[in-house]
PDB file of N, CA and C in Angstrom:
ATOM      1  N   MET A   1      -9.888  52.529  -7.255  1.00  0.00           N
ATOM      2  CA  MET A   1      -8.555  52.434  -6.724  1.00  0.00           C
ATOM      3  C   MET A   1      -8.054  53.828  -6.397  1.00  0.00           C
ATOM      4  N   ALA A   2      -7.495  54.013  -5.233  1.00  0.00           N
ATOM      5  CA  ALA A   2      -6.966  55.318  -4.833  1.00  0.00           C
ATOM      6  C   ALA A   2      -5.729  55.633  -5.653  1.00  0.00           C
ATOM      7  N   GLU A   3      -5.435  56.949  -5.759  1.00  0.00           N
ATOM      8  CA  GLU A   3      -4.289  57.346  -6.563  1.00  0.00           C
ATOM      9  C   GLU A   3      -2.990  56.752  -6.060  1.00  0.00           C
ATOM     10  N   SER A   4      -2.858  56.584  -4.726  1.00  0.00           N
ATOM     11  CA  SER A   4      -1.610  56.053  -4.188  1.00  0.00           C
ATOM     12  C   SER A   4      -1.479  54.551  -4.457  1.00  0.00           C
ATOM     13  N   GLU A   5      -2.600  53.898  -4.757  1.00  0.00           N
ATOM     14  CA  GLU A   5      -2.561  52.478  -5.082  1.00  0.00           C
ATOM     15  C   GLU A   5      -2.369  52.323  -6.586  1.00  0.00           C
ATOM     16  N   HIS A   6      -1.590  51.331  -6.945  1.00  0.00           N
ATOM     17  CA  HIS A   6      -1.382  51.074  -8.363  1.00  0.00           C
ATOM     18  C   HIS A   6      -1.244  49.575  -8.576  1.00  0.00           C
ATOM     19  N   ALA A   7      -1.562  49.167  -9.753  1.00  0.00           N
ATOM     20  CA  ALA A   7      -1.384  47.757 -10.105  1.00  0.00           C
ATOM     21  C   ALA A   7       0.117  47.487 -10.157  1.00  0.00           C
ATOM     22  N   PRO A   8       0.540  46.318  -9.674  1.00  0.00           N
ATOM     23  CA  PRO A   8       1.973  46.027  -9.704  1.00  0.00           C
ATOM     24  C   PRO A   8       2.486  45.940 -11.135  1.00  0.00           C
ATOM     25  N   THR A   9       3.695  46.406 -11.301  1.00  0.00           N
ATOM     26  CA  THR A   9       4.317  46.308 -12.620  1.00  0.00           C
ATOM     27  C   THR A   9       4.805  44.880 -12.837  1.00  0.00           C
ATOM     28  N   GLU A  10       5.157  44.590 -14.061  1.00  0.00           N
ATOM     29  CA  GLU A  10       5.675  43.265 -14.376  1.00  0.00           C
ATOM     30  C   GLU A  10       6.940  42.982 -13.561  1.00  0.00           C
ATOM     31  N   GLU A  11       7.770  43.983 -13.412  1.00  0.00           N
ATOM     32  CA  GLU A  11       9.009  43.829 -12.630  1.00  0.00           C
ATOM     33  C   GLU A  11       8.694  43.556 -11.157  1.00  0.00           C
ATOM     34  N   GLU A  12       7.721  44.241 -10.594  1.00  0.00           N
ATOM     35  CA  GLU A  12       7.330  44.006  -9.201  1.00  0.00           C
ATOM     36  C   GLU A  12       6.784  42.589  -9.018  1.00  0.00           C
ATOM     37  N   LEU A  13       6.022  42.113  -9.994  1.00  0.00           N
ATOM     38  CA  LEU A  13       5.510  40.745  -9.931  1.00  0.00           C
ATOM     39  C   LEU A  13       6.653  39.729  -9.990  1.00  0.00           C
ATOM     40  N   ARG A  14       7.625  39.965 -10.857  1.00  0.00           N
ATOM     41  CA  ARG A  14       8.785  39.063 -10.939  1.00  0.00           C
ATOM     42  C   ARG A  14       9.542  39.035  -9.615  1.00  0.00           C
ATOM     43  N   GLU A  15       9.736  40.203  -9.021  1.00  0.00           N
ATOM     44  CA  GLU A  15      10.449  40.266  -7.740  1.00  0.00           C
ATOM     45  C   GLU A  15       9.688  39.529  -6.643  1.00  0.00           C
ATOM     46  N   ALA A  16       8.364  39.656  -6.653  1.00  0.00           N
ATOM     47  CA  ALA A  16       7.560  38.946  -5.661  1.00  0.00           C
ATOM     48  C   ALA A  16       7.679  37.433  -5.862  1.00  0.00           C
ATOM     49  N   LEU A  17       7.657  36.988  -7.106  1.00  0.00           N
ATOM     50  CA  LEU A  17       7.824  35.561  -7.393  1.00  0.00           C
ATOM     51  C   LEU A  17       9.199  35.062  -6.971  1.00  0.00           C
ATOM     52  N   ASP A  18      10.212  35.900  -7.145  1.00  0.00           N
ATOM     53  CA  ASP A  18      11.567  35.506  -6.758  1.00  0.00           C
ATOM     54  C   ASP A  18      11.690  35.302  -5.250  1.00  0.00           C
ATOM     55  N   ARG A  19      10.867  35.982  -4.474  1.00  0.00           N
ATOM     56  CA  ARG A  19      10.913  35.849  -3.011  1.00  0.00           C
ATOM     57  C   ARG A  19      10.160  34.615  -2.518  1.00  0.00           C
ATOM     58  N   LEU A  20       9.298  34.054  -3.338  1.00  0.00           N
ATOM     59  CA  LEU A  20       8.515  32.890  -2.934  1.00  0.00           C
ATOM     60  C   LEU A  20       9.318  31.608  -3.072  1.00  0.00           C
ATOM     61  N   ALA A  21       9.058  30.680  -2.163  1.00  0.00           N
ATOM     62  CA  ALA A  21       9.638  29.349  -2.261  1.00  0.00           C
ATOM     63  C   ALA A  21       8.509  28.375  -2.594  1.00  0.00           C
ATOM     64  N   VAL A  22       8.804  27.376  -3.385  1.00  0.00           N
ATOM     65  CA  VAL A  22       7.813  26.366  -3.733  1.00  0.00           C
ATOM     66  C   VAL A  22       7.269  25.720  -2.463  1.00  0.00           C
ATOM     67  N   ALA A  23       8.153  25.475  -1.493  1.00  0.00           N
ATOM     68  CA  ALA A  23       7.720  24.860  -0.229  1.00  0.00           C
ATOM     69  C   ALA A  23       6.654  25.708   0.459  1.00  0.00           C
ATOM     70  N   ASP A  24       6.791  27.019   0.406  1.00  0.00           N
ATOM     71  CA  ASP A  24       5.792  27.898   1.032  1.00  0.00           C
ATOM     72  C   ASP A  24       4.425  27.725   0.376  1.00  0.00           C
ATOM     73  N   ILE A  25       4.414  27.650  -0.929  1.00  0.00           N
ATOM     74  CA  ILE A  25       3.158  27.470  -1.668  1.00  0.00           C
ATOM     75  C   ILE A  25       2.562  26.103  -1.349  1.00  0.00           C
ATOM     76  N   LEU A  26       3.407  25.061  -1.311  1.00  0.00           N
ATOM     77  CA  LEU A  26       2.918  23.724  -0.987  1.00  0.00           C
ATOM     78  C   LEU A  26       2.344  23.669   0.422  1.00  0.00           C
ATOM     79  N   LEU A  27       3.012  24.300   1.371  1.00  0.00           N
ATOM     80  CA  LEU A  27       2.511  24.300   2.748  1.00  0.00           C
ATOM     81  C   LEU A  27       1.154  24.985   2.838  1.00  0.00           C
ATOM     82  N   ASN A  28       0.997  26.094   2.158  1.00  0.00           N
ATOM     83  CA  ASN A  28      -0.303  26.776   2.149  1.00  0.00           C
ATOM     84  C   ASN A  28      -1.368  25.898   1.506  1.00  0.00           C
ATOM     85  N   ALA A  29      -1.013  25.279   0.389  1.00  0.00           N
ATOM     86  CA  ALA A  29      -1.974  24.425  -0.311  1.00  0.00           C
ATOM     87  C   ALA A  29      -2.343  23.206   0.536  1.00  0.00           C
ATOM     88  N   LEU A  30      -1.374  22.606   1.204  1.00  0.00           N
ATOM     89  CA  LEU A  30      -1.656  21.425   2.018  1.00  0.00           C
ATOM     90  C   LEU A  30      -2.454  21.776   3.266  1.00  0.00           C
ATOM     91  N   SER A  31      -2.220  22.937   3.802  1.00  0.00           N
ATOM     92  CA  SER A  31      -3.026  23.386   4.941  1.00  0.00           C
ATOM     93  C   SER A  31      -4.487  23.544   4.515  1.00  0.00           C
ATOM     94  N   ALA A  32      -4.695  24.152   3.370  1.00  0.00           N
ATOM     95  CA  ALA A  32      -6.052  24.304   2.841  1.00  0.00           C
ATOM     96  C   ALA A  32      -6.648  22.937   2.496  1.00  0.00           C
ATOM     97  N   THR A  33      -5.830  22.039   1.967  1.00  0.00           N
ATOM     98  CA  THR A  33      -6.287  20.692   1.623  1.00  0.00           C
ATOM     99  C   THR A  33      -6.754  19.949   2.867  1.00  0.00           C
ATOM    100  N   ALA A  34      -5.986  20.048   3.942  1.00  0.00           N
ATOM    101  CA  ALA A  34      -6.379  19.397   5.196  1.00  0.00           C
ATOM    102  C   ALA A  34      -7.690  19.980   5.710  1.00  0.00           C
ATOM    103  N   SER A  35      -7.823  21.283   5.669  1.00  0.00           N
ATOM    104  CA  SER A  35      -9.068  21.926   6.127  1.00  0.00           C
ATOM    105  C   SER A  35     -10.257  21.455   5.299  1.00  0.00           C
ATOM    106  N   LEU A  36     -10.089  21.404   3.985  1.00  0.00           N
ATOM    107  CA  LEU A  36     -11.168  20.921   3.124  1.00  0.00           C
ATOM    108  C   LEU A  36     -11.475  19.454   3.400  1.00  0.00           C
ATOM    109  N   GLY A  37     -10.435  18.673   3.627  1.00  0.00           N
ATOM    110  CA  GLY A  37     -10.636  17.263   3.948  1.00  0.00           C
ATOM    111  C   GLY A  37     -11.480  17.083   5.193  1.00  0.00           C
ATOM    112  N   PHE A  38     -11.180  17.866   6.235  1.00  0.00           N
ATOM    113  CA  PHE A  38     -11.972  17.786   7.464  1.00  0.00           C
ATOM    114  C   PHE A  38     -13.412  18.224   7.216  1.00  0.00           C
ATOM    115  N   ARG A  39     -13.581  19.221   6.384  1.00  0.00           N
ATOM    116  CA  ARG A  39     -14.949  19.658   6.062  1.00  0.00           C
ATOM    117  C   ARG A  39     -15.695  18.541   5.331  1.00  0.00           C
ATOM    118  N   ARG A  40     -15.009  17.830   4.447  1.00  0.00           N
ATOM    119  CA  ARG A  40     -15.655  16.793   3.643  1.00  0.00           C
ATOM    120  C   ARG A  40     -15.971  15.518   4.426  1.00  0.00           C
ATOM    121  N   VAL A  41     -15.436  15.359   5.626  1.00  0.00           N
ATOM    122  CA  VAL A  41     -15.846  14.224   6.457  1.00  0.00           C
ATOM    123  C   VAL A  41     -16.953  14.617   7.427  1.00  0.00           C
ATOM    124  N   SER A  42     -17.269  15.908   7.486  1.00  0.00           N
ATOM    125  CA  SER A  42     -18.341  16.351   8.384  1.00  0.00           C
ATOM    126  C   SER A  42     -19.687  15.895   7.833  1.00  0.00           C
ATOM    127  N   ALA A  43     -20.629  15.716   8.721  1.00  0.00           N
ATOM    128  CA  ALA A  43     -21.963  15.272   8.310  1.00  0.00           C
ATOM    129  C   ALA A  43     -22.634  16.297   7.391  1.00  0.00           C
ATOM    130  N   GLU A  44     -22.346  17.561   7.584  1.00  0.00           N
ATOM    131  CA  GLU A  44     -22.987  18.629   6.806  1.00  0.00           C
ATOM    132  C   GLU A  44     -22.493  18.693   5.365  1.00  0.00           C
ATOM    133  N   ALA A  45     -21.251  18.305   5.136  1.00  0.00           N
ATOM    134  CA  ALA A  45     -20.665  18.460   3.796  1.00  0.00           C
ATOM    135  C   ALA A  45     -19.926  17.194   3.376  1.00  0.00           C
ATOM    136  N   ARG A  46     -20.449  16.057   3.740  1.00  0.00           N
ATOM    137  CA  ARG A  46     -19.750  14.784   3.521  1.00  0.00           C
ATOM    138  C   ARG A  46     -19.551  14.491   2.038  1.00  0.00           C
ATOM    139  N   ASP A  47     -18.300  14.261   1.699  1.00  0.00           N
ATOM    140  CA  ASP A  47     -17.903  13.811   0.365  1.00  0.00           C
ATOM    141  C   ASP A  47     -16.645  12.986   0.582  1.00  0.00           C
ATOM    142  N   LEU A  48     -16.828  11.686   0.777  1.00  0.00           N
ATOM    143  CA  LEU A  48     -15.726  10.820   1.162  1.00  0.00           C
ATOM    144  C   LEU A  48     -14.666  10.688   0.070  1.00  0.00           C
ATOM    145  N   GLN A  49     -15.070  10.817  -1.175  1.00  0.00           N
ATOM    146  CA  GLN A  49     -14.088  10.767  -2.259  1.00  0.00           C
ATOM    147  C   GLN A  49     -13.135  11.960  -2.163  1.00  0.00           C
ATOM    148  N   GLN A  50     -13.675  13.127  -1.897  1.00  0.00           N
ATOM    149  CA  GLN A  50     -12.839  14.316  -1.746  1.00  0.00           C
ATOM    150  C   GLN A  50     -11.965  14.233  -0.496  1.00  0.00           C
ATOM    151  N   ALA A  51     -12.512  13.683   0.575  1.00  0.00           N
ATOM    152  CA  ALA A  51     -11.732  13.511   1.800  1.00  0.00           C
ATOM    153  C   ALA A  51     -10.563  12.565   1.543  1.00  0.00           C
ATOM    154  N   ARG A  52     -10.825  11.490   0.824  1.00  0.00           N
ATOM    155  CA  ARG A  52      -9.766  10.528   0.502  1.00  0.00           C
ATOM    156  C   ARG A  52      -8.687  11.173  -0.364  1.00  0.00           C
ATOM    157  N   LEU A  53      -9.091  12.007  -1.299  1.00  0.00           N
ATOM    158  CA  LEU A  53      -8.126  12.728  -2.137  1.00  0.00           C
ATOM    159  C   LEU A  53      -7.244  13.632  -1.271  1.00  0.00           C
ATOM    160  N   ALA A  54      -7.835  14.279  -0.294  1.00  0.00           N
ATOM    161  CA  ALA A  54      -7.058  15.134   0.614  1.00  0.00           C
ATOM    162  C   ALA A  54      -6.037  14.305   1.384  1.00  0.00           C
ATOM    163  N   ILE A  55      -6.465  13.159   1.901  1.00  0.00           N
ATOM    164  CA  ILE A  55      -5.567  12.282   2.659  1.00  0.00           C
ATOM    165  C   ILE A  55      -4.401  11.829   1.789  1.00  0.00           C
ATOM    166  N   GLU A  56      -4.706  11.371   0.599  1.00  0.00           N
ATOM    167  CA  GLU A  56      -3.650  10.861  -0.284  1.00  0.00           C
ATOM    168  C   GLU A  56      -2.705  11.966  -0.744  1.00  0.00           C
ATOM    169  N   SER A  57      -3.222  13.167  -0.933  1.00  0.00           N
ATOM    170  CA  SER A  57      -2.376  14.297  -1.321  1.00  0.00           C
ATOM    171  C   SER A  57      -1.399  14.644  -0.201  1.00  0.00           C
ATOM    172  N   LEU A  58      -1.910  14.683   1.013  1.00  0.00           N
ATOM    173  CA  LEU A  58      -1.044  14.945   2.161  1.00  0.00           C
ATOM    174  C   LEU A  58       0.033  13.863   2.275  1.00  0.00           C
ATOM    175  N   ARG A  59      -0.389  12.628   2.157  1.00  0.00           N
ATOM    176  CA  ARG A  59       0.551  11.504   2.274  1.00  0.00           C
ATOM    177  C   ARG A  59       1.641  11.587   1.198  1.00  0.00           C
ATOM    178  N   ALA A  60       1.259  11.896  -0.013  1.00  0.00           N
ATOM    179  CA  ALA A  60       2.214  11.921  -1.124  1.00  0.00           C
ATOM    180  C   ALA A  60       3.241  13.038  -0.983  1.00  0.00           C
ATOM    181  N   LEU A  61       2.834  14.155  -0.437  1.00  0.00           N
ATOM    182  CA  LEU A  61       3.736  15.305  -0.408  1.00  0.00           C
ATOM    183  C   LEU A  61       4.555  15.431   0.873  1.00  0.00           C
ATOM    184  N   GLU A  62       4.218  14.672   1.896  1.00  0.00           N
ATOM    185  CA  GLU A  62       5.006  14.742   3.137  1.00  0.00           C
ATOM    186  C   GLU A  62       6.487  14.440   2.892  1.00  0.00           C
ATOM    187  N   PRO A  63       6.833  13.339   2.206  1.00  0.00           N
ATOM    188  CA  PRO A  63       8.265  13.085   1.984  1.00  0.00           C
ATOM    189  C   PRO A  63       8.916  14.131   1.078  1.00  0.00           C
ATOM    190  N   VAL A  64       8.157  14.674   0.150  1.00  0.00           N
ATOM    191  CA  VAL A  64       8.691  15.705  -0.738  1.00  0.00           C
ATOM    192  C   VAL A  64       9.080  16.938   0.076  1.00  0.00           C
ATOM    193  N   LEU A  65       8.220  17.320   1.011  1.00  0.00           N
ATOM    194  CA  LEU A  65       8.523  18.474   1.863  1.00  0.00           C
ATOM    195  C   LEU A  65       9.742  18.201   2.733  1.00  0.00           C
ATOM    196  N   ARG A  66       9.777  17.007   3.321  1.00  0.00           N
ATOM    197  CA  ARG A  66      10.908  16.647   4.182  1.00  0.00           C
ATOM    198  C   ARG A  66      12.222  16.707   3.385  1.00  0.00           C
ATOM    199  N   GLU A  67      12.217  16.105   2.196  1.00  0.00           N
ATOM    200  CA  GLU A  67      13.416  16.104   1.353  1.00  0.00           C
ATOM    201  C   GLU A  67      13.755  17.510   0.858  1.00  0.00           C
ATOM    202  N   GLY A  68      12.748  18.363   0.780  1.00  0.00           N
ATOM    203  CA  GLY A  68      12.959  19.732   0.315  1.00  0.00           C
ATOM    204  C   GLY A  68      13.451  20.673   1.400  1.00  0.00           C
ATOM    205  N   GLY A  69      13.689  20.129   2.591  1.00  0.00           N
ATOM    206  CA  GLY A  69      14.263  20.947   3.652  1.00  0.00           C
ATOM    207  C   GLY A  69      13.269  21.684   4.520  1.00  0.00           C
ATOM    208  N   VAL A  70      11.986  21.337   4.410  1.00  0.00           N
ATOM    209  CA  VAL A  70      10.998  21.977   5.275  1.00  0.00           C
ATOM    210  C   VAL A  70      11.240  21.513   6.706  1.00  0.00           C
ATOM    211  N   ASP A  71      11.101  22.425   7.630  1.00  0.00           N
ATOM    212  CA  ASP A  71      11.331  22.144   9.048  1.00  0.00           C
ATOM    213  C   ASP A  71      10.574  20.889   9.479  1.00  0.00           C
ATOM    214  N   ASP A  72      11.262  20.001  10.199  1.00  0.00           N
ATOM    215  CA  ASP A  72      10.672  18.738  10.640  1.00  0.00           C
ATOM    216  C   ASP A  72       9.408  18.941  11.469  1.00  0.00           C
ATOM    217  N   ALA A  73       9.375  19.969  12.292  1.00  0.00           N
ATOM    218  CA  ALA A  73       8.199  20.216  13.133  1.00  0.00           C
ATOM    219  C   ALA A  73       6.978  20.521  12.271  1.00  0.00           C
ATOM    220  N   ILE A  74       7.177  21.240  11.191  1.00  0.00           N
ATOM    221  CA  ILE A  74       6.067  21.569  10.294  1.00  0.00           C
ATOM    222  C   ILE A  74       5.578  20.314   9.589  1.00  0.00           C
ATOM    223  N   VAL A  75       6.509  19.484   9.134  1.00  0.00           N
ATOM    224  CA  VAL A  75       6.129  18.238   8.466  1.00  0.00           C
ATOM    225  C   VAL A  75       5.397  17.327   9.456  1.00  0.00           C
ATOM    226  N   ARG A  76       5.881  17.277  10.696  1.00  0.00           N
ATOM    227  CA  ARG A  76       5.205  16.456  11.709  1.00  0.00           C
ATOM    228  C   ARG A  76       3.786  16.963  11.965  1.00  0.00           C
ATOM    229  N   ASP A  77       3.606  18.277  11.967  1.00  0.00           N
ATOM    230  CA  ASP A  77       2.254  18.835  12.145  1.00  0.00           C
ATOM    231  C   ASP A  77       1.338  18.395  11.005  1.00  0.00           C
ATOM    232  N   LEU A  78       1.853  18.408   9.780  1.00  0.00           N
ATOM    233  CA  LEU A  78       1.059  17.950   8.643  1.00  0.00           C
ATOM    234  C   LEU A  78       0.762  16.457   8.746  1.00  0.00           C
ATOM    235  N   GLU A  79       1.743  15.679   9.192  1.00  0.00           N
ATOM    236  CA  GLU A  79       1.527  14.247   9.372  1.00  0.00           C
ATOM    237  C   GLU A  79       0.444  13.995  10.425  1.00  0.00           C
ATOM    238  N   GLN A  80       0.473  14.780  11.494  1.00  0.00           N
ATOM    239  CA  GLN A  80      -0.543  14.633  12.536  1.00  0.00           C
ATOM    240  C   GLN A  80      -1.916  15.027  12.006  1.00  0.00           C
ATOM    241  N   ALA A  81      -1.966  16.079  11.221  1.00  0.00           N
ATOM    242  CA  ALA A  81      -3.242  16.485  10.622  1.00  0.00           C
ATOM    243  C   ALA A  81      -3.771  15.385   9.719  1.00  0.00           C
ATOM    244  N   ARG A  82      -2.877  14.766   8.923  1.00  0.00           N
ATOM    245  CA  ARG A  82      -3.299  13.675   8.052  1.00  0.00           C
ATOM    246  C   ARG A  82      -3.794  12.486   8.865  1.00  0.00           C
ATOM    247  N   ALA A  83      -3.084  12.149   9.930  1.00  0.00           N
ATOM    248  CA  ALA A  83      -3.505  11.024  10.774  1.00  0.00           C
ATOM    249  C   ALA A  83      -4.882  11.297  11.386  1.00  0.00           C
ATOM    250  N   ASN A  84      -5.091  12.514  11.855  1.00  0.00           N
ATOM    251  CA  ASN A  84      -6.394  12.876  12.417  1.00  0.00           C
ATOM    252  C   ASN A  84      -7.486  12.836  11.352  1.00  0.00           C
ATOM    253  N   LEU A  85      -7.145  13.280  10.157  1.00  0.00           N
ATOM    254  CA  LEU A  85      -8.104  13.243   9.055  1.00  0.00           C
ATOM    255  C   LEU A  85      -8.437  11.801   8.692  1.00  0.00           C
ATOM    256  N   GLN A  86      -7.448  10.917   8.716  1.00  0.00           N
ATOM    257  CA  GLN A  86      -7.711   9.509   8.427  1.00  0.00           C
ATOM    258  C   GLN A  86      -8.664   8.905   9.468  1.00  0.00           C
ATOM    259  N   LEU A  87      -8.471   9.259  10.727  1.00  0.00           N
ATOM    260  CA  LEU A  87      -9.378   8.770  11.776  1.00  0.00           C
ATOM    261  C   LEU A  87     -10.792   9.298  11.557  1.00  0.00           C
ATOM    262  N   ALA A  88     -10.896  10.573  11.228  1.00  0.00           N
ATOM    263  CA  ALA A  88     -12.216  11.161  10.970  1.00  0.00           C
ATOM    264  C   ALA A  88     -12.855  10.526   9.735  1.00  0.00           C
ATOM    265  N   TYR A  89     -12.037  10.226   8.744  1.00  0.00           N
ATOM    266  CA  TYR A  89     -12.527   9.564   7.528  1.00  0.00           C
ATOM    267  C   TYR A  89     -13.069   8.177   7.876  1.00  0.00           C
ATOM    268  N   ALA A  90     -12.316   7.419   8.660  1.00  0.00           N
ATOM    269  CA  ALA A  90     -12.763   6.080   9.055  1.00  0.00           C
ATOM    270  C   ALA A  90     -14.085   6.157   9.812  1.00  0.00           C
ATOM    271  N   GLN A  91     -14.219   7.141  10.680  1.00  0.00           N
ATOM    272  CA  GLN A  91     -15.468   7.327  11.420  1.00  0.00           C
ATOM    273  C   GLN A  91     -16.612   7.668  10.464  1.00  0.00           C
ATOM    274  N   ALA A  92     -16.343   8.529   9.497  1.00  0.00           N
ATOM    275  CA  ALA A  92     -17.374   8.912   8.527  1.00  0.00           C
ATOM    276  C   ALA A  92     -17.796   7.716   7.677  1.00  0.00           C
ATOM    277  N   VAL A  93     -16.842   6.876   7.296  1.00  0.00           N
ATOM    278  CA  VAL A  93     -17.163   5.673   6.532  1.00  0.00           C
ATOM    279  C   VAL A  93     -18.051   4.761   7.372  1.00  0.00           C
ATOM    280  N   ALA A  94     -17.694   4.585   8.634  1.00  0.00           N
ATOM    281  CA  ALA A  94     -18.493   3.739   9.517  1.00  0.00           C
ATOM    282  C   ALA A  94     -19.909   4.287   9.669  1.00  0.00           C
ATOM    283  N   GLU A  95     -20.032   5.597   9.823  1.00  0.00           N
ATOM    284  CA  GLU A  95     -21.356   6.215   9.953  1.00  0.00           C
ATOM    285  C   GLU A  95     -22.161   6.054   8.676  1.00  0.00           C
ATOM    286  N   SER A  96     -21.493   6.162   7.535  1.00  0.00           N
ATOM    287  CA  SER A  96     -22.180   6.047   6.251  1.00  0.00           C
ATOM    288  C   SER A  96     -22.694   4.637   5.997  1.00  0.00           C
ATOM    289  N   SER A  97     -22.032   3.646   6.579  1.00  0.00           N
ATOM    290  CA  SER A  97     -22.440   2.265   6.341  1.00  0.00           C
ATOM    291  C   SER A  97     -23.407   1.737   7.402  1.00  0.00           C
ATOM    292  N   GLU A  98     -23.636   2.529   8.446  1.00  0.00           N
ATOM    293  CA  GLU A  98     -24.598   2.105   9.472  1.00  0.00           C
ATOM    294  C   GLU A  98     -26.010   2.213   8.920  1.00  0.00           C
ATOM    295  N   PRO A  99     -26.841   1.230   9.243  1.00  0.00           N
ATOM    296  CA  PRO A  99     -28.231   1.338   8.810  1.00  0.00           C
ATOM    297  C   PRO A  99     -28.917   2.493   9.542  1.00  0.00           C
ATOM    298  N   HIS A 100     -29.702   3.234   8.814  1.00  0.00           N
ATOM    299  CA  HIS A 100     -30.417   4.363   9.409  1.00  0.00           C
ATOM    300  C   HIS A 100     -31.769   3.877   9.902  1.00  0.00           C
ATOM    301  N   THR A 101     -32.092   4.254  11.119  1.00  0.00           N
ATOM    302  CA  THR A 101     -33.392   3.878  11.671  1.00  0.00           C
ATOM    303  C   THR A 101     -34.248   5.125  11.766  1.00  0.00           C
ATOM    304  N   SER A 102     -35.515   4.961  11.471  1.00  0.00           N
ATOM    305  CA  SER A 102     -36.430   6.099  11.627  1.00  0.00           C
ATOM    306  C   SER A 102     -37.205   5.921  12.920  1.00  0.00           C
ATOM    307  N   GLU A 103     -37.293   7.003  13.637  1.00  0.00           N
ATOM    308  CA  GLU A 103     -37.969   6.926  14.939  1.00  0.00           C
ATOM    309  C   GLU A 103     -39.304   7.601  14.880  1.00  0.00           C
TER     310      GLU A 103
END
């Protein structure tokens, strides 16, 4: 660590926490959740249980964000991401249940 760099003090950490809003943390977490959900429906990293968890998490927190005063456009973007993830999930389920043929 360079001399000009220093570990934050306890007071600096408290001040940083005071500037954060719970909604900001939730939005970051839900964005990451949606990204992971899309990855889990891909053929390369398919895990439908994890994808379903992502969908349900997004669904559960959308009204909480709306009631918490998060901008409607942001909530609508999350709703659209969830809807797209649900479509991708349905496609992945259909692909998983198709009989595999060897050529």
